[in-house]
PDB file of N, CA and C in Angstrom:
ATOM      1  N   MET A   1       5.184  13.191  -7.703  1.00  0.00           N
ATOM      2  CA  MET A   1       5.711  12.334  -6.661  1.00  0.00           C
ATOM      3  C   MET A   1       6.505  11.204  -7.312  1.00  0.00           C
ATOM      4  N   ASP A   2       7.547  10.795  -6.640  1.00  0.00           N
ATOM      5  CA  ASP A   2       8.465   9.800  -7.167  1.00  0.00           C
ATOM      6  C   ASP A   2       7.914   8.385  -6.967  1.00  0.00           C
ATOM      7  N   LYS A   3       7.475   7.763  -8.047  1.00  0.00           N
ATOM      8  CA  LYS A   3       6.900   6.414  -7.977  1.00  0.00           C
ATOM      9  C   LYS A   3       7.927   5.405  -7.478  1.00  0.00           C
ATOM     10  N   GLU A   4       9.177   5.600  -7.834  1.00  0.00           N
ATOM     11  CA  GLU A   4      10.227   4.662  -7.393  1.00  0.00           C
ATOM     12  C   GLU A   4      10.396   4.697  -5.877  1.00  0.00           C
ATOM     13  N   LYS A   5      10.291   5.875  -5.285  1.00  0.00           N
ATOM     14  CA  LYS A   5      10.386   5.991  -3.825  1.00  0.00           C
ATOM     15  C   LYS A   5       9.201   5.286  -3.159  1.00  0.00           C
ATOM     16  N   VAL A   6       8.010   5.452  -3.721  1.00  0.00           N
ATOM     17  CA  VAL A   6       6.822   4.766  -3.202  1.00  0.00           C
ATOM     18  C   VAL A   6       7.031   3.254  -3.289  1.00  0.00           C
ATOM     19  N   LYS A   7       7.554   2.800  -4.403  1.00  0.00           N
ATOM     20  CA  LYS A   7       7.814   1.374  -4.597  1.00  0.00           C
ATOM     21  C   LYS A   7       8.788   0.851  -3.553  1.00  0.00           C
ATOM     22  N   GLN A   8       9.815   1.616  -3.248  1.00  0.00           N
ATOM     23  CA  GLN A   8      10.798   1.198  -2.251  1.00  0.00           C
ATOM     24  C   GLN A   8      10.166   1.043  -0.869  1.00  0.00           C
ATOM     25  N   VAL A   9       9.276   1.958  -0.505  1.00  0.00           N
ATOM     26  CA  VAL A   9       8.601   1.865   0.792  1.00  0.00           C
ATOM     27  C   VAL A   9       7.683   0.647   0.810  1.00  0.00           C
ATOM     28  N   ILE A  10       6.944   0.422  -0.262  1.00  0.00           N
ATOM     29  CA  ILE A  10       6.060  -0.743  -0.334  1.00  0.00           C
ATOM     30  C   ILE A  10       6.875  -2.023  -0.247  1.00  0.00           C
ATOM     31  N   ASP A  11       8.045  -2.039  -0.853  1.00  0.00           N
ATOM     32  CA  ASP A  11       8.905  -3.221  -0.763  1.00  0.00           C
ATOM     33  C   ASP A  11       9.342  -3.501   0.672  1.00  0.00           C
ATOM     34  N   LYS A  12       9.443  -2.456   1.497  1.00  0.00           N
ATOM     35  CA  LYS A  12       9.782  -2.635   2.910  1.00  0.00           C
ATOM     36  C   LYS A  12       8.592  -3.165   3.707  1.00  0.00           C
ATOM     37  N   ILE A  13       7.377  -2.829   3.293  1.00  0.00           N
ATOM     38  CA  ILE A  13       6.155  -3.267   3.967  1.00  0.00           C
ATOM     39  C   ILE A  13       5.799  -4.701   3.568  1.00  0.00           C
ATOM     40  N   ARG A  14       6.118  -5.062   2.350  1.00  0.00           N
ATOM     41  CA  ARG A  14       5.726  -6.343   1.760  1.00  0.00           C
ATOM     42  C   ARG A  14       5.997  -7.568   2.654  1.00  0.00           C
ATOM     43  N   PRO A  15       7.178  -7.709   3.273  1.00  0.00           N
ATOM     44  CA  PRO A  15       7.425  -8.916   4.083  1.00  0.00           C
ATOM     45  C   PRO A  15       6.420  -9.109   5.227  1.00  0.00           C
ATOM     46  N   GLN A  16       5.933  -8.016   5.792  1.00  0.00           N
ATOM     47  CA  GLN A  16       4.935  -8.124   6.856  1.00  0.00           C
ATOM     48  C   GLN A  16       3.637  -8.710   6.310  1.00  0.00           C
ATOM     49  N   LEU A  17       3.249  -8.287   5.134  1.00  0.00           N
ATOM     50  CA  LEU A  17       2.031  -8.806   4.513  1.00  0.00           C
ATOM     51  C   LEU A  17       2.225 -10.260   4.098  1.00  0.00           C
ATOM     52  N   GLN A  18       3.388 -10.562   3.562  1.00  0.00           N
ATOM     53  CA  GLN A  18       3.668 -11.931   3.122  1.00  0.00           C
ATOM     54  C   GLN A  18       3.700 -12.898   4.305  1.00  0.00           C
ATOM     55  N   ALA A  19       4.099 -12.421   5.461  1.00  0.00           N
ATOM     56  CA  ALA A  19       4.127 -13.269   6.655  1.00  0.00           C
ATOM     57  C   ALA A  19       2.721 -13.724   7.043  1.00  0.00           C
ATOM     58  N   ASP A  20       1.712 -12.945   6.648  1.00  0.00           N
ATOM     59  CA  ASP A  20       0.316 -13.293   6.918  1.00  0.00           C
ATOM     60  C   ASP A  20      -0.370 -13.916   5.708  1.00  0.00           C
ATOM     61  N   GLY A  21       0.404 -14.281   4.691  1.00  0.00           N
ATOM     62  CA  GLY A  21      -0.164 -14.921   3.512  1.00  0.00           C
ATOM     63  C   GLY A  21      -0.698 -13.965   2.469  1.00  0.00           C
ATOM     64  N   GLY A  22      -0.338 -12.706   2.582  1.00  0.00           N
ATOM     65  CA  GLY A  22      -0.815 -11.713   1.620  1.00  0.00           C
ATOM     66  C   GLY A  22       0.332 -11.113   0.835  1.00  0.00           C
ATOM     67  N   ASP A  23       0.006 -10.086   0.081  1.00  0.00           N
ATOM     68  CA  ASP A  23       1.015  -9.355  -0.681  1.00  0.00           C
ATOM     69  C   ASP A  23       0.382  -8.055  -1.161  1.00  0.00           C
ATOM     70  N   ILE A  24       1.168  -7.227  -1.810  1.00  0.00           N
ATOM     71  CA  ILE A  24       0.694  -5.933  -2.293  1.00  0.00           C
ATOM     72  C   ILE A  24       1.404  -5.594  -3.591  1.00  0.00           C
ATOM     73  N   ASP A  25       0.664  -5.054  -4.538  1.00  0.00           N
ATOM     74  CA  ASP A  25       1.232  -4.569  -5.796  1.00  0.00           C
ATOM     75  C   ASP A  25       0.960  -3.081  -5.907  1.00  0.00           C
ATOM     76  N   LEU A  26       1.948  -2.331  -6.338  1.00  0.00           N
ATOM     77  CA  LEU A  26       1.771  -0.915  -6.623  1.00  0.00           C
ATOM     78  C   LEU A  26       1.180  -0.791  -8.021  1.00  0.00           C
ATOM     79  N   ILE A  27       0.034  -0.135  -8.120  1.00  0.00           N
ATOM     80  CA  ILE A  27      -0.647   0.023  -9.402  1.00  0.00           C
ATOM     81  C   ILE A  27      -0.341   1.382 -10.026  1.00  0.00           C
ATOM     82  N   GLU A  28      -0.487   2.444  -9.229  1.00  0.00           N
ATOM     83  CA  GLU A  28      -0.325   3.788  -9.789  1.00  0.00           C
ATOM     84  C   GLU A  28      -0.056   4.785  -8.673  1.00  0.00           C
ATOM     85  N   VAL A  29       0.656   5.846  -9.008  1.00  0.00           N
ATOM     86  CA  VAL A  29       0.842   6.986  -8.123  1.00  0.00           C
ATOM     87  C   VAL A  29       0.372   8.202  -8.904  1.00  0.00           C
ATOM     88  N   THR A  30      -0.669   8.871  -8.415  1.00  0.00           N
ATOM     89  CA  THR A  30      -1.230  10.005  -9.138  1.00  0.00           C
ATOM     90  C   THR A  30      -0.496  11.293  -8.776  1.00  0.00           C
ATOM     91  N   ASP A  31      -0.692  12.306  -9.597  1.00  0.00           N
ATOM     92  CA  ASP A  31      -0.048  13.602  -9.375  1.00  0.00           C
ATOM     93  C   ASP A  31      -0.524  14.273  -8.086  1.00  0.00           C
ATOM     94  N   ASP A  32      -1.737  13.928  -7.636  1.00  0.00           N
ATOM     95  CA  ASP A  32      -2.268  14.549  -6.419  1.00  0.00           C
ATOM     96  C   ASP A  32      -1.984  13.727  -5.159  1.00  0.00           C
ATOM     97  N   GLY A  33      -1.056  12.766  -5.249  1.00  0.00           N
ATOM     98  CA  GLY A  33      -0.601  12.054  -4.065  1.00  0.00           C
ATOM     99  C   GLY A  33      -1.369  10.809  -3.682  1.00  0.00           C
ATOM    100  N   VAL A  34      -2.247  10.345  -4.550  1.00  0.00           N
ATOM    101  CA  VAL A  34      -2.992   9.116  -4.271  1.00  0.00           C
ATOM    102  C   VAL A  34      -2.171   7.926  -4.759  1.00  0.00           C
ATOM    103  N   VAL A  35      -1.967   6.979  -3.862  1.00  0.00           N
ATOM    104  CA  VAL A  35      -1.231   5.759  -4.196  1.00  0.00           C
ATOM    105  C   VAL A  35      -2.256   4.637  -4.351  1.00  0.00           C
ATOM    106  N   LYS A  36      -2.300   4.052  -5.531  1.00  0.00           N
ATOM    107  CA  LYS A  36      -3.231   2.967  -5.806  1.00  0.00           C
ATOM    108  C   LYS A  36      -2.474   1.648  -5.748  1.00  0.00           C
ATOM    109  N   VAL A  37      -2.984   0.742  -4.911  1.00  0.00           N
ATOM    110  CA  VAL A  37      -2.351  -0.558  -4.727  1.00  0.00           C
ATOM    111  C   VAL A  37      -3.399  -1.651  -4.904  1.00  0.00           C
ATOM    112  N   ARG A  38      -2.923  -2.869  -5.017  1.00  0.00           N
ATOM    113  CA  ARG A  38      -3.822  -4.022  -5.054  1.00  0.00           C
ATOM    114  C   ARG A  38      -3.347  -4.989  -3.976  1.00  0.00           C
ATOM    115  N   LEU A  39      -4.230  -5.260  -3.010  1.00  0.00           N
ATOM    116  CA  LEU A  39      -3.922  -6.247  -1.993  1.00  0.00           C
ATOM    117  C   LEU A  39      -4.157  -7.626  -2.586  1.00  0.00           C
ATOM    118  N   LEU A  40      -3.235  -8.539  -2.308  1.00  0.00           N
ATOM    119  CA  LEU A  40      -3.277  -9.877  -2.903  1.00  0.00           C
ATOM    120  C   LEU A  40      -3.279 -10.953  -1.824  1.00  0.00           C
ATOM    121  N   GLY A  41      -3.565 -12.181  -2.236  1.00  0.00           N
ATOM    122  CA  GLY A  41      -3.524 -13.313  -1.321  1.00  0.00           C
ATOM    123  C   GLY A  41      -4.549 -13.168  -0.212  1.00  0.00           C
ATOM    124  N   HIS A  42      -4.163 -13.538   0.990  1.00  0.00           N
ATOM    125  CA  HIS A  42      -5.081 -13.455   2.123  1.00  0.00           C
ATOM    126  C   HIS A  42      -5.537 -12.028   2.385  1.00  0.00           C
ATOM    127  N   CYS A  43      -4.693 -11.066   2.062  1.00  0.00           N
ATOM    128  CA  CYS A  43      -5.040  -9.663   2.290  1.00  0.00           C
ATOM    129  C   CYS A  43      -6.234  -9.222   1.424  1.00  0.00           C
ATOM    130  N   ALA A  44      -6.373  -9.824   0.264  1.00  0.00           N
ATOM    131  CA  ALA A  44      -7.436  -9.412  -0.657  1.00  0.00           C
ATOM    132  C   ALA A  44      -8.818  -9.684  -0.088  1.00  0.00           C
ATOM    133  N   GLY A  45      -8.978 -10.778   0.628  1.00  0.00           N
ATOM    134  CA  GLY A  45     -10.297 -11.122   1.138  1.00  0.00           C
ATOM    135  C   GLY A  45     -10.437 -10.996   2.636  1.00  0.00           C
ATOM    136  N   CYS A  46      -9.426 -10.485   3.284  1.00  0.00           N
ATOM    137  CA  CYS A  46      -9.423 -10.398   4.745  1.00  0.00           C
ATOM    138  C   CYS A  46     -10.362  -9.305   5.231  1.00  0.00           C
ATOM    139  N   MET A  47     -11.057  -9.598   6.322  1.00  0.00           N
ATOM    140  CA  MET A  47     -11.974  -8.593   6.870  1.00  0.00           C
ATOM    141  C   MET A  47     -11.209  -7.409   7.466  1.00  0.00           C
ATOM    142  N   HIS A  48      -9.913  -7.558   7.670  1.00  0.00           N
ATOM    143  CA  HIS A  48      -9.093  -6.478   8.216  1.00  0.00           C
ATOM    144  C   HIS A  48      -8.304  -5.742   7.134  1.00  0.00           C
ATOM    145  N   ALA A  49      -8.625  -5.988   5.884  1.00  0.00           N
ATOM    146  CA  ALA A  49      -7.863  -5.398   4.780  1.00  0.00           C
ATOM    147  C   ALA A  49      -7.855  -3.875   4.832  1.00  0.00           C
ATOM    148  N   GLN A  50      -8.981  -3.260   5.152  1.00  0.00           N
ATOM    149  CA  GLN A  50      -9.031  -1.795   5.197  1.00  0.00           C
ATOM    150  C   GLN A  50      -8.141  -1.259   6.315  1.00  0.00           C
ATOM    151  N   GLN A  51      -8.119  -1.947   7.444  1.00  0.00           N
ATOM    152  CA  GLN A  51      -7.240  -1.541   8.540  1.00  0.00           C
ATOM    153  C   GLN A  51      -5.779  -1.679   8.131  1.00  0.00           C
ATOM    154  N   THR A  52      -5.464  -2.778   7.474  1.00  0.00           N
ATOM    155  CA  THR A  52      -4.097  -2.986   6.988  1.00  0.00           C
ATOM    156  C   THR A  52      -3.703  -1.850   6.061  1.00  0.00           C
ATOM    157  N   LEU A  53      -4.633  -1.474   5.195  1.00  0.00           N
ATOM    158  CA  LEU A  53      -4.355  -0.434   4.215  1.00  0.00           C
ATOM    159  C   LEU A  53      -4.116   0.914   4.885  1.00  0.00           C
ATOM    160  N   THR A  54      -5.024   1.314   5.795  1.00  0.00           N
ATOM    161  CA  THR A  54      -4.908   2.644   6.387  1.00  0.00           C
ATOM    162  C   THR A  54      -3.920   2.704   7.538  1.00  0.00           C
ATOM    163  N   LEU A  55      -3.951   1.728   8.432  1.00  0.00           N
ATOM    164  CA  LEU A  55      -3.084   1.780   9.609  1.00  0.00           C
ATOM    165  C   LEU A  55      -1.681   1.284   9.323  1.00  0.00           C
ATOM    166  N   GLY A  56      -1.527   0.455   8.315  1.00  0.00           N
ATOM    167  CA  GLY A  56      -0.198  -0.065   7.985  1.00  0.00           C
ATOM    168  C   GLY A  56       0.419   0.641   6.807  1.00  0.00           C
ATOM    169  N   VAL A  57      -0.135   0.394   5.641  1.00  0.00           N
ATOM    170  CA  VAL A  57       0.454   0.888   4.392  1.00  0.00           C
ATOM    171  C   VAL A  57       0.400   2.412   4.307  1.00  0.00           C
ATOM    172  N   GLU A  58      -0.788   2.985   4.477  1.00  0.00           N
ATOM    173  CA  GLU A  58      -0.935   4.432   4.323  1.00  0.00           C
ATOM    174  C   GLU A  58      -0.124   5.193   5.371  1.00  0.00           C
ATOM    175  N   ARG A  59      -0.188   4.757   6.606  1.00  0.00           N
ATOM    176  CA  ARG A  59       0.547   5.453   7.670  1.00  0.00           C
ATOM    177  C   ARG A  59       2.052   5.436   7.389  1.00  0.00           C
ATOM    178  N   THR A  60       2.566   4.288   6.997  1.00  0.00           N
ATOM    179  CA  THR A  60       3.997   4.175   6.720  1.00  0.00           C
ATOM    180  C   THR A  60       4.398   5.052   5.541  1.00  0.00           C
ATOM    181  N   LEU A  61       3.612   5.003   4.477  1.00  0.00           N
ATOM    182  CA  LEU A  61       3.931   5.831   3.305  1.00  0.00           C
ATOM    183  C   LEU A  61       3.905   7.321   3.655  1.00  0.00           C
ATOM    184  N   LYS A  62       2.902   7.755   4.407  1.00  0.00           N
ATOM    185  CA  LYS A  62       2.794   9.172   4.761  1.00  0.00           C
ATOM    186  C   LYS A  62       3.944   9.628   5.660  1.00  0.00           C
ATOM    187  N   GLN A  63       4.418   8.738   6.530  1.00  0.00           N
ATOM    188  CA  GLN A  63       5.538   9.103   7.401  1.00  0.00           C
ATOM    189  C   GLN A  63       6.809   9.329   6.598  1.00  0.00           C
ATOM    190  N   ILE A  64       7.014   8.505   5.586  1.00  0.00           N
ATOM    191  CA  ILE A  64       8.253   8.581   4.812  1.00  0.00           C
ATOM    192  C   ILE A  64       8.128   9.549   3.637  1.00  0.00           C
ATOM    193  N   ILE A  65       6.935   9.606   3.049  1.00  0.00           N
ATOM    194  CA  ILE A  65       6.695  10.469   1.877  1.00  0.00           C
ATOM    195  C   ILE A  65       5.484  11.355   2.187  1.00  0.00           C
ATOM    196  N   PRO A  66       5.702  12.530   2.750  1.00  0.00           N
ATOM    197  CA  PRO A  66       4.587  13.397   3.164  1.00  0.00           C
ATOM    198  C   PRO A  66       3.642  13.798   2.031  1.00  0.00           C
ATOM    199  N   GLU A  67       4.104  13.700   0.780  1.00  0.00           N
ATOM    200  CA  GLU A  67       3.243  14.079  -0.354  1.00  0.00           C
ATOM    201  C   GLU A  67       2.102  13.085  -0.575  1.00  0.00           C
ATOM    202  N   VAL A  68       2.188  11.899   0.021  1.00  0.00           N
ATOM    203  CA  VAL A  68       1.115  10.916  -0.116  1.00  0.00           C
ATOM    204  C   VAL A  68      -0.111  11.433   0.621  1.00  0.00           C
ATOM    205  N   THR A  69      -1.240  11.509  -0.086  1.00  0.00           N
ATOM    206  CA  THR A  69      -2.476  11.980   0.523  1.00  0.00           C
ATOM    207  C   THR A  69      -3.414  10.853   0.914  1.00  0.00           C
ATOM    208  N   GLU A  70      -3.329   9.743   0.174  1.00  0.00           N
ATOM    209  CA  GLU A  70      -4.266   8.635   0.413  1.00  0.00           C
ATOM    210  C   GLU A  70      -3.717   7.384  -0.258  1.00  0.00           C
ATOM    211  N   VAL A  71      -4.067   6.231   0.305  1.00  0.00           N
ATOM    212  CA  VAL A  71      -3.756   4.950  -0.309  1.00  0.00           C
ATOM    213  C   VAL A  71      -5.079   4.217  -0.515  1.00  0.00           C
ATOM    214  N   VAL A  72      -5.330   3.782  -1.741  1.00  0.00           N
ATOM    215  CA  VAL A  72      -6.586   3.095  -2.038  1.00  0.00           C
ATOM    216  C   VAL A  72      -6.291   1.739  -2.656  1.00  0.00           C
ATOM    217  N   ASN A  73      -7.142   0.777  -2.316  1.00  0.00           N
ATOM    218  CA  ASN A  73      -7.043  -0.559  -2.878  1.00  0.00           C
ATOM    219  C   ASN A  73      -7.834  -0.605  -4.180  1.00  0.00           C
ATOM    220  N   VAL A  74      -7.226  -1.125  -5.216  1.00  0.00           N
ATOM    221  CA  VAL A  74      -7.880  -1.298  -6.511  1.00  0.00           C
ATOM    222  C   VAL A  74      -8.124  -2.780  -6.688  1.00  0.00           C
ATOM    223  N   PRO A  75      -9.358  -3.249  -6.431  1.00  0.00           N
ATOM    224  CA  PRO A  75      -9.611  -4.688  -6.565  1.00  0.00           C
ATOM    225  C   PRO A  75      -9.555  -5.130  -8.033  1.00  0.00           C
ATOM    226  N   TYR A  76      -9.478  -6.423  -8.213  1.00  0.00           N
ATOM    227  CA  TYR A  76      -9.440  -6.980  -9.579  1.00  0.00           C
ATOM    228  C   TYR A  76     -10.670  -6.621 -10.352  1.00  0.00           C
TER     229      TYR A  76
END
C-alpha cells in the first residue's frame, strides 16, 4: 500500500482534528493494510478518541483507499 497516499488522506483529515485541539501523526502502514497513527493533543486523552479513530479517520481512509483494513492508535 502506498504510504504517501495514506499520508495525503490524513493531511486532509488533520484540520478537523486541529479545530478541536488535537492532531494526528502517521506512524506506519503495514503490508496487510493496517494504518498505525498517533492521536495527539486533545485527541490523545479524549474519551471520544476511539470514535474519532473509527468513525472519522478509518472510515475516510477506507473510502479513499480500499486496501486499508484497520486504523489503530499507537500511544506514546
